[in-house]
């Protein structure tokens, strides 16, 4: 089946996430999440499952020949060129604790390449970011990352410093933190939202799952950010995303 267009993708995910945001916000506002731990130690809630089920149902109805990869439910790859990838709530830990820094991610892969991406932030203005590697739109308006100003005004983000401290780049990370930049763990998709909207300068994450990052790649690239994939399998599961002006210096500081 031929690749769908970016406008078609955008219309489709905007409609779906408008509906999922309503149900997510209702559960968040009433603190009805029913959380529990999965076998890998991470948290899942009924809202994760119900949201993914709703998104899958809509994809299956509109694109029955497409494959689907979701974080919570059974994968349906179907040997298709077109595959959808879903993280119903990226930042479930925050969601389950009543912290509003989470979002829904939907990506579209064509021939195994991240082609389009969607990030919906239900509790952050219900903002919708979509991208196609060349362009990025925030609530329908073209957006780009801001220019780098200086290291002493820079904001650098990561999701989990504990993971970094136990990784092969732990010493590099500590050296980087000696720079005059500010460092925060405003992580998960919210951190990448800050990058795309010009409020942060770089974000580093390691040992991600495909659902956490593949939907974000077309958005980040579309917003003009540089991406360094330093995962062993070159599948974006360990990445640096930053403003282009500091890419080379950042790589030297962190990965050399």
C-alpha atoms as a PDB file:
ATOM      1  CA  UNK A   1       0.000   0.000   0.000  1.00  0.00           C
ATOM      2  CA  UNK A   2       1.291   3.465  -0.863  1.00  0.00           C
ATOM      3  CA  UNK A   3       2.640   5.761   1.816  1.00  0.00           C
ATOM      4  CA  UNK A   4       0.044   8.110   3.286  1.00  0.00           C
ATOM      5  CA  UNK A   5       0.669  11.841   2.996  1.00  0.00           C
ATOM      6  CA  UNK A   6       1.651  14.127   5.859  1.00  0.00           C
ATOM      7  CA  UNK A   7      -1.635  16.121   5.688  1.00  0.00           C
ATOM      8  CA  UNK A   8      -3.595  12.866   5.902  1.00  0.00           C
ATOM      9  CA  UNK A   9      -1.508  11.741   8.875  1.00  0.00           C
ATOM     10  CA  UNK A  10      -1.973  15.100  10.593  1.00  0.00           C
ATOM     11  CA  UNK A  11      -5.743  15.128  10.184  1.00  0.00           C
ATOM     12  CA  UNK A  12      -5.974  11.535  11.391  1.00  0.00           C
ATOM     13  CA  UNK A  13      -3.879  11.925  14.553  1.00  0.00           C
ATOM     14  CA  UNK A  14      -5.419  15.282  15.444  1.00  0.00           C
ATOM     15  CA  UNK A  15      -8.891  13.729  15.465  1.00  0.00           C
ATOM     16  CA  UNK A  16      -7.805  10.657  17.447  1.00  0.00           C
ATOM     17  CA  UNK A  17      -5.814  12.548  20.078  1.00  0.00           C
ATOM     18  CA  UNK A  18      -8.567  15.099  20.556  1.00  0.00           C
ATOM     19  CA  UNK A  19     -10.718  12.202  21.751  1.00  0.00           C
ATOM     20  CA  UNK A  20      -8.022  10.480  23.806  1.00  0.00           C
ATOM     21  CA  UNK A  21      -7.094  13.728  25.560  1.00  0.00           C
ATOM     22  CA  UNK A  22     -10.655  14.055  26.845  1.00  0.00           C
ATOM     23  CA  UNK A  23     -10.608  10.616  28.470  1.00  0.00           C
ATOM     24  CA  UNK A  24      -7.030  10.985  29.743  1.00  0.00           C
ATOM     25  CA  UNK A  25      -7.781  14.348  31.352  1.00  0.00           C
ATOM     26  CA  UNK A  26     -10.946  13.034  32.965  1.00  0.00           C
ATOM     27  CA  UNK A  27      -9.036  10.227  34.668  1.00  0.00           C
ATOM     28  CA  UNK A  28      -6.106  12.500  35.567  1.00  0.00           C
ATOM     29  CA  UNK A  29      -8.346  15.167  37.098  1.00  0.00           C
ATOM     30  CA  UNK A  30     -10.298  12.622  39.160  1.00  0.00           C
ATOM     31  CA  UNK A  31      -7.164  10.618  40.080  1.00  0.00           C
ATOM     32  CA  UNK A  32      -8.643   7.390  38.691  1.00  0.00           C
ATOM     33  CA  UNK A  33      -5.599   5.659  37.200  1.00  0.00           C
ATOM     34  CA  UNK A  34      -5.439   2.119  38.707  1.00  0.00           C
ATOM     35  CA  UNK A  35      -1.680   1.809  38.380  1.00  0.00           C
ATOM     36  CA  UNK A  36       0.366  -1.371  38.662  1.00  0.00           C
ATOM     37  CA  UNK A  37       3.844  -2.582  37.758  1.00  0.00           C
ATOM     38  CA  UNK A  38       4.704  -4.519  34.627  1.00  0.00           C
ATOM     39  CA  UNK A  39       7.222  -7.353  34.567  1.00  0.00           C
ATOM     40  CA  UNK A  40       9.982  -4.893  33.601  1.00  0.00           C
ATOM     41  CA  UNK A  41       9.288  -2.807  36.698  1.00  0.00           C
ATOM     42  CA  UNK A  42       7.714   0.137  34.880  1.00  0.00           C
ATOM     43  CA  UNK A  43       4.211   1.399  35.628  1.00  0.00           C
ATOM     44  CA  UNK A  44       1.102   0.840  33.543  1.00  0.00           C
ATOM     45  CA  UNK A  45      -2.428   2.113  34.163  1.00  0.00           C
ATOM     46  CA  UNK A  46      -5.855   1.322  32.817  1.00  0.00           C
ATOM     47  CA  UNK A  47      -5.654   4.646  30.990  1.00  0.00           C
ATOM     48  CA  UNK A  48      -2.566   3.481  29.057  1.00  0.00           C
ATOM     49  CA  UNK A  49      -4.381   0.344  27.967  1.00  0.00           C
ATOM     50  CA  UNK A  50      -7.662   2.025  27.082  1.00  0.00           C
ATOM     51  CA  UNK A  51      -5.912   4.802  25.165  1.00  0.00           C
ATOM     52  CA  UNK A  52      -3.820   2.401  23.112  1.00  0.00           C
ATOM     53  CA  UNK A  53      -6.870   0.233  22.423  1.00  0.00           C
ATOM     54  CA  UNK A  54      -8.771   3.266  21.098  1.00  0.00           C
ATOM     55  CA  UNK A  55      -5.891   4.378  18.868  1.00  0.00           C
ATOM     56  CA  UNK A  56      -5.393   0.860  17.533  1.00  0.00           C
ATOM     57  CA  UNK A  57      -9.079   0.472  16.756  1.00  0.00           C
ATOM     58  CA  UNK A  58      -9.052   3.651  14.683  1.00  0.00           C
ATOM     59  CA  UNK A  59      -5.913   2.623  12.793  1.00  0.00           C
ATOM     60  CA  UNK A  60      -7.275  -0.852  12.110  1.00  0.00           C
ATOM     61  CA  UNK A  61     -10.504   0.626  10.785  1.00  0.00           C
ATOM     62  CA  UNK A  62      -8.884   3.224   8.527  1.00  0.00           C
ATOM     63  CA  UNK A  63      -5.754   1.299   7.510  1.00  0.00           C
ATOM     64  CA  UNK A  64      -6.420  -2.433   7.885  1.00  0.00           C
ATOM     65  CA  UNK A  65      -3.310  -3.457   5.933  1.00  0.00           C
ATOM     66  CA  UNK A  66      -0.922  -1.413   8.096  1.00  0.00           C
ATOM     67  CA  UNK A  67       1.140  -2.841  10.916  1.00  0.00           C
ATOM     68  CA  UNK A  68       0.871  -1.582  14.496  1.00  0.00           C
ATOM     69  CA  UNK A  69       3.530  -1.526  17.221  1.00  0.00           C
ATOM     70  CA  UNK A  70       2.258  -0.450  20.628  1.00  0.00           C
ATOM     71  CA  UNK A  71       3.849  -0.317  24.045  1.00  0.00           C
ATOM     72  CA  UNK A  72       1.091  -2.093  25.923  1.00  0.00           C
ATOM     73  CA  UNK A  73      -0.760  -4.456  23.571  1.00  0.00           C
ATOM     74  CA  UNK A  74       0.136  -7.208  21.083  1.00  0.00           C
ATOM     75  CA  UNK A  75       2.067  -6.053  18.042  1.00  0.00           C
ATOM     76  CA  UNK A  76       0.578  -6.493  14.589  1.00  0.00           C
ATOM     77  CA  UNK A  77       3.371  -5.923  12.090  1.00  0.00           C
ATOM     78  CA  UNK A  78       1.739  -7.818   9.196  1.00  0.00           C
ATOM     79  CA  UNK A  79       4.965  -7.495   7.160  1.00  0.00           C
ATOM     80  CA  UNK A  80       3.685  -4.106   6.053  1.00  0.00           C
ATOM     81  CA  UNK A  81       5.694  -1.220   4.624  1.00  0.00           C
ATOM     82  CA  UNK A  82       3.479   1.134   6.624  1.00  0.00           C
ATOM     83  CA  UNK A  83       3.653   0.634  10.390  1.00  0.00           C
ATOM     84  CA  UNK A  84       2.174   2.766  13.173  1.00  0.00           C
ATOM     85  CA  UNK A  85       3.918   3.009  16.533  1.00  0.00           C
ATOM     86  CA  UNK A  86       2.069   4.048  19.697  1.00  0.00           C
ATOM     87  CA  UNK A  87       2.994   5.176  23.186  1.00  0.00           C
ATOM     88  CA  UNK A  88      -0.424   5.922  24.705  1.00  0.00           C
ATOM     89  CA  UNK A  89       1.030   7.788  27.682  1.00  0.00           C
ATOM     90  CA  UNK A  90       4.691   8.678  27.456  1.00  0.00           C
ATOM     91  CA  UNK A  91       5.536   9.581  31.032  1.00  0.00           C
ATOM     92  CA  UNK A  92       3.207   7.180  32.829  1.00  0.00           C
ATOM     93  CA  UNK A  93       5.233   7.669  36.024  1.00  0.00           C
ATOM     94  CA  UNK A  94       4.342  11.380  35.977  1.00  0.00           C
ATOM     95  CA  UNK A  95       0.747  10.707  34.974  1.00  0.00           C
ATOM     96  CA  UNK A  96       0.202   8.217  37.800  1.00  0.00           C
ATOM     97  CA  UNK A  97       1.587  10.680  40.366  1.00  0.00           C
ATOM     98  CA  UNK A  98      -0.571  13.580  39.240  1.00  0.00           C
ATOM     99  CA  UNK A  99       2.240  15.410  37.443  1.00  0.00           C
ATOM    100  CA  UNK A 100       1.038  16.904  34.124  1.00  0.00           C
ATOM    101  CA  UNK A 101       4.267  16.402  32.129  1.00  0.00           C
ATOM    102  CA  UNK A 102       3.178  13.483  29.936  1.00  0.00           C
ATOM    103  CA  UNK A 103       1.844  12.991  26.438  1.00  0.00           C
ATOM    104  CA  UNK A 104       0.513  10.646  23.777  1.00  0.00           C
ATOM    105  CA  UNK A 105       2.885   9.675  20.967  1.00  0.00           C
ATOM    106  CA  UNK A 106       1.866   8.295  17.585  1.00  0.00           C
ATOM    107  CA  UNK A 107       4.377   7.641  14.833  1.00  0.00           C
ATOM    108  CA  UNK A 108       4.185   6.433  11.264  1.00  0.00           C
ATOM    109  CA  UNK A 109       7.058   4.365   9.882  1.00  0.00           C
ATOM    110  CA  UNK A 110       7.426   3.732   6.191  1.00  0.00           C
ATOM    111  CA  UNK A 111       9.886   1.069   5.105  1.00  0.00           C
ATOM    112  CA  UNK A 112      11.115   1.000   8.747  1.00  0.00           C
ATOM    113  CA  UNK A 113      12.007   4.696   8.706  1.00  0.00           C
ATOM    114  CA  UNK A 114      10.410   7.251  11.097  1.00  0.00           C
ATOM    115  CA  UNK A 115       8.394   9.270   8.587  1.00  0.00           C
ATOM    116  CA  UNK A 116       5.759  11.235  10.534  1.00  0.00           C
ATOM    117  CA  UNK A 117       5.283  11.877  14.230  1.00  0.00           C
ATOM    118  CA  UNK A 118       2.673  13.239  16.607  1.00  0.00           C
ATOM    119  CA  UNK A 119       2.973  14.418  20.206  1.00  0.00           C
ATOM    120  CA  UNK A 120      -0.174  15.464  22.092  1.00  0.00           C
ATOM    121  CA  UNK A 121       0.193  16.960  25.583  1.00  0.00           C
ATOM    122  CA  UNK A 122      -3.250  16.734  27.224  1.00  0.00           C
ATOM    123  CA  UNK A 123      -2.375  18.801  30.311  1.00  0.00           C
ATOM    124  CA  UNK A 124      -0.014  21.303  28.668  1.00  0.00           C
ATOM    125  CA  UNK A 125      -2.588  23.331  26.779  1.00  0.00           C
ATOM    126  CA  UNK A 126      -3.558  20.130  24.955  1.00  0.00           C
ATOM    127  CA  UNK A 127      -0.819  21.180  22.525  1.00  0.00           C
ATOM    128  CA  UNK A 128      -0.328  19.119  19.379  1.00  0.00           C
ATOM    129  CA  UNK A 129       3.053  18.827  17.679  1.00  0.00           C
ATOM    130  CA  UNK A 130       3.398  17.027  14.351  1.00  0.00           C
ATOM    131  CA  UNK A 131       6.424  16.662  12.103  1.00  0.00           C
ATOM    132  CA  UNK A 132       7.620  15.042   8.876  1.00  0.00           C
ATOM    133  CA  UNK A 133      11.421  15.443   9.251  1.00  0.00           C
ATOM    134  CA  UNK A 134      11.361  18.625   7.145  1.00  0.00           C
ATOM    135  CA  UNK A 135       8.740  20.667   8.992  1.00  0.00           C
ATOM    136  CA  UNK A 136       7.127  20.853  12.418  1.00  0.00           C
ATOM    137  CA  UNK A 137       3.785  22.343  13.390  1.00  0.00           C
ATOM    138  CA  UNK A 138       2.553  23.357  16.828  1.00  0.00           C
ATOM    139  CA  UNK A 139      -1.248  23.534  16.849  1.00  0.00           C
ATOM    140  CA  UNK A 140      -1.188  24.040  13.082  1.00  0.00           C
ATOM    141  CA  UNK A 141       1.465  26.774  13.080  1.00  0.00           C
ATOM    142  CA  UNK A 142       4.963  26.155  11.729  1.00  0.00           C
ATOM    143  CA  UNK A 143       7.562  26.148  14.482  1.00  0.00           C
ATOM    144  CA  UNK A 144      11.346  25.841  14.696  1.00  0.00           C
ATOM    145  CA  UNK A 145      13.807  25.561  17.549  1.00  0.00           C
ATOM    146  CA  UNK A 146      15.416  28.815  18.649  1.00  0.00           C
ATOM    147  CA  UNK A 147      19.049  29.731  18.031  1.00  0.00           C
ATOM    148  CA  UNK A 148      21.691  28.870  20.609  1.00  0.00           C
ATOM    149  CA  UNK A 149      22.695  31.883  22.729  1.00  0.00           C
ATOM    150  CA  UNK A 150      25.441  30.766  25.091  1.00  0.00           C
ATOM    151  CA  UNK A 151      26.369  27.935  27.433  1.00  0.00           C
ATOM    152  CA  UNK A 152      25.674  30.013  30.534  1.00  0.00           C
ATOM    153  CA  UNK A 153      22.094  30.508  29.328  1.00  0.00           C
ATOM    154  CA  UNK A 154      21.632  26.953  28.054  1.00  0.00           C
ATOM    155  CA  UNK A 155      19.130  24.439  29.427  1.00  0.00           C
ATOM    156  CA  UNK A 156      20.106  20.773  29.084  1.00  0.00           C
ATOM    157  CA  UNK A 157      17.634  18.010  29.836  1.00  0.00           C
ATOM    158  CA  UNK A 158      17.533  14.288  30.456  1.00  0.00           C
ATOM    159  CA  UNK A 159      14.805  11.967  31.674  1.00  0.00           C
ATOM    160  CA  UNK A 160      16.734   9.892  34.206  1.00  0.00           C
ATOM    161  CA  UNK A 161      20.094  10.898  35.679  1.00  0.00           C
ATOM    162  CA  UNK A 162      20.278   7.618  37.574  1.00  0.00           C
ATOM    163  CA  UNK A 163      20.498   5.727  34.286  1.00  0.00           C
ATOM    164  CA  UNK A 164      23.210   8.070  33.052  1.00  0.00           C
ATOM    165  CA  UNK A 165      25.173   7.613  36.273  1.00  0.00           C
ATOM    166  CA  UNK A 166      25.236   3.864  35.652  1.00  0.00           C
ATOM    167  CA  UNK A 167      26.091   4.107  31.945  1.00  0.00           C
ATOM    168  CA  UNK A 168      29.308   4.105  29.929  1.00  0.00           C
ATOM    169  CA  UNK A 169      29.088   7.896  29.531  1.00  0.00           C
ATOM    170  CA  UNK A 170      28.696   8.620  33.256  1.00  0.00           C
ATOM    171  CA  UNK A 171      32.060  10.411  33.582  1.00  0.00           C
ATOM    172  CA  UNK A 172      31.401  12.469  30.436  1.00  0.00           C
ATOM    173  CA  UNK A 173      28.035  13.521  31.807  1.00  0.00           C
ATOM    174  CA  UNK A 174      29.635  14.691  35.047  1.00  0.00           C
ATOM    175  CA  UNK A 175      32.229  16.669  33.086  1.00  0.00           C
ATOM    176  CA  UNK A 176      29.461  18.233  31.022  1.00  0.00           C
ATOM    177  CA  UNK A 177      27.666  19.296  34.201  1.00  0.00           C
ATOM    178  CA  UNK A 178      30.639  21.411  35.115  1.00  0.00           C
ATOM    179  CA  UNK A 179      29.680  23.766  32.287  1.00  0.00           C
ATOM    180  CA  UNK A 180      27.714  26.858  33.221  1.00  0.00           C
ATOM    181  CA  UNK A 181      24.498  25.525  31.688  1.00  0.00           C
ATOM    182  CA  UNK A 182      21.408  24.660  33.716  1.00  0.00           C
ATOM    183  CA  UNK A 183      20.462  20.979  33.983  1.00  0.00           C
ATOM    184  CA  UNK A 184      16.983  19.601  34.650  1.00  0.00           C
ATOM    185  CA  UNK A 185      15.147  16.276  34.480  1.00  0.00           C
ATOM    186  CA  UNK A 186      12.073  17.599  32.710  1.00  0.00           C
ATOM    187  CA  UNK A 187      12.033  14.414  30.737  1.00  0.00           C
ATOM    188  CA  UNK A 188       9.976  12.082  28.603  1.00  0.00           C
ATOM    189  CA  UNK A 189       8.215  13.708  25.669  1.00  0.00           C
ATOM    190  CA  UNK A 190       7.780  16.957  27.599  1.00  0.00           C
ATOM    191  CA  UNK A 191      11.517  17.579  27.433  1.00  0.00           C
ATOM    192  CA  UNK A 192      11.473  17.198  23.653  1.00  0.00           C
ATOM    193  CA  UNK A 193       8.505  19.551  23.534  1.00  0.00           C
ATOM    194  CA  UNK A 194      10.672  22.160  25.284  1.00  0.00           C
ATOM    195  CA  UNK A 195      13.379  21.615  22.675  1.00  0.00           C
ATOM    196  CA  UNK A 196      11.014  22.026  19.737  1.00  0.00           C
ATOM    197  CA  UNK A 197       9.437  25.163  21.172  1.00  0.00           C
ATOM    198  CA  UNK A 198      12.749  26.887  21.864  1.00  0.00           C
ATOM    199  CA  UNK A 199      12.742  26.599  25.652  1.00  0.00           C
ATOM    200  CA  UNK A 200      15.649  24.134  25.929  1.00  0.00           C
ATOM    201  CA  UNK A 201      18.918  23.618  24.074  1.00  0.00           C
ATOM    202  CA  UNK A 202      19.697  19.911  24.300  1.00  0.00           C
ATOM    203  CA  UNK A 203      18.324  16.638  25.603  1.00  0.00           C
ATOM    204  CA  UNK A 204      20.081  13.337  26.165  1.00  0.00           C
ATOM    205  CA  UNK A 205      18.423   9.993  26.775  1.00  0.00           C
ATOM    206  CA  UNK A 206      19.732   6.429  26.869  1.00  0.00           C
ATOM    207  CA  UNK A 207      18.173   2.973  26.765  1.00  0.00           C
ATOM    208  CA  UNK A 208      14.836   4.163  25.419  1.00  0.00           C
ATOM    209  CA  UNK A 209      12.191   1.898  23.967  1.00  0.00           C
ATOM    210  CA  UNK A 210      11.206   2.401  20.313  1.00  0.00           C
ATOM    211  CA  UNK A 211       7.777   3.664  21.416  1.00  0.00           C
ATOM    212  CA  UNK A 212       9.439   6.409  23.481  1.00  0.00           C
ATOM    213  CA  UNK A 213      11.442   7.944  20.670  1.00  0.00           C
ATOM    214  CA  UNK A 214      10.572   6.881  17.100  1.00  0.00           C
ATOM    215  CA  UNK A 215       7.396   9.030  16.952  1.00  0.00           C
ATOM    216  CA  UNK A 216       9.494  12.008  18.071  1.00  0.00           C
ATOM    217  CA  UNK A 217      12.241  11.788  15.436  1.00  0.00           C
ATOM    218  CA  UNK A 218      10.259  13.419  12.564  1.00  0.00           C
ATOM    219  CA  UNK A 219       9.106  16.168  14.953  1.00  0.00           C
ATOM    220  CA  UNK A 220      12.601  16.941  16.234  1.00  0.00           C
ATOM    221  CA  UNK A 221      14.139  16.975  12.762  1.00  0.00           C
ATOM    222  CA  UNK A 222      11.244  19.015  11.441  1.00  0.00           C
ATOM    223  CA  UNK A 223      11.855  21.613  14.149  1.00  0.00           C
ATOM    224  CA  UNK A 224      15.444  22.000  12.957  1.00  0.00           C
ATOM    225  CA  UNK A 225      17.153  20.086  15.749  1.00  0.00           C
ATOM    226  CA  UNK A 226      20.211  17.909  15.217  1.00  0.00           C
ATOM    227  CA  UNK A 227      20.087  14.281  16.323  1.00  0.00           C
ATOM    228  CA  UNK A 228      23.034  12.079  17.216  1.00  0.00           C
ATOM    229  CA  UNK A 229      22.119   8.410  17.417  1.00  0.00           C
ATOM    230  CA  UNK A 230      24.688   6.654  19.594  1.00  0.00           C
ATOM    231  CA  UNK A 231      22.693   3.479  20.225  1.00  0.00           C
ATOM    232  CA  UNK A 232      24.452   0.225  19.396  1.00  0.00           C
ATOM    233  CA  UNK A 233      21.772  -0.835  16.917  1.00  0.00           C
ATOM    234  CA  UNK A 234      21.369   2.657  15.428  1.00  0.00           C
ATOM    235  CA  UNK A 235      17.676   2.602  16.285  1.00  0.00           C
ATOM    236  CA  UNK A 236      17.559   5.942  18.149  1.00  0.00           C
ATOM    237  CA  UNK A 237      17.172   4.266  21.551  1.00  0.00           C
ATOM    238  CA  UNK A 238      20.124   6.309  22.885  1.00  0.00           C
ATOM    239  CA  UNK A 239      20.196   9.798  21.434  1.00  0.00           C
ATOM    240  CA  UNK A 240      21.318  13.360  21.765  1.00  0.00           C
ATOM    241  CA  UNK A 241      18.955  15.997  20.353  1.00  0.00           C
ATOM    242  CA  UNK A 242      20.266  19.548  20.333  1.00  0.00           C
ATOM    243  CA  UNK A 243      20.410  22.866  18.540  1.00  0.00           C
ATOM    244  CA  UNK A 244      22.636  22.562  15.452  1.00  0.00           C
ATOM    245  CA  UNK A 245      25.111  25.208  16.621  1.00  0.00           C
ATOM    246  CA  UNK A 246      26.302  23.059  19.541  1.00  0.00           C
ATOM    247  CA  UNK A 247      26.177  19.599  17.995  1.00  0.00           C
ATOM    248  CA  UNK A 248      29.900  19.156  17.369  1.00  0.00           C
ATOM    249  CA  UNK A 249      30.965  20.648  20.699  1.00  0.00           C
ATOM    250  CA  UNK A 250      28.362  18.630  22.562  1.00  0.00           C
ATOM    251  CA  UNK A 251      29.494  15.400  20.910  1.00  0.00           C
ATOM    252  CA  UNK A 252      33.095  16.140  21.843  1.00  0.00           C
ATOM    253  CA  UNK A 253      32.115  16.862  25.448  1.00  0.00           C
ATOM    254  CA  UNK A 254      29.817  13.912  25.897  1.00  0.00           C
ATOM    255  CA  UNK A 255      30.737  11.095  23.567  1.00  0.00           C
ATOM    256  CA  UNK A 256      34.476  11.351  22.929  1.00  0.00           C
END
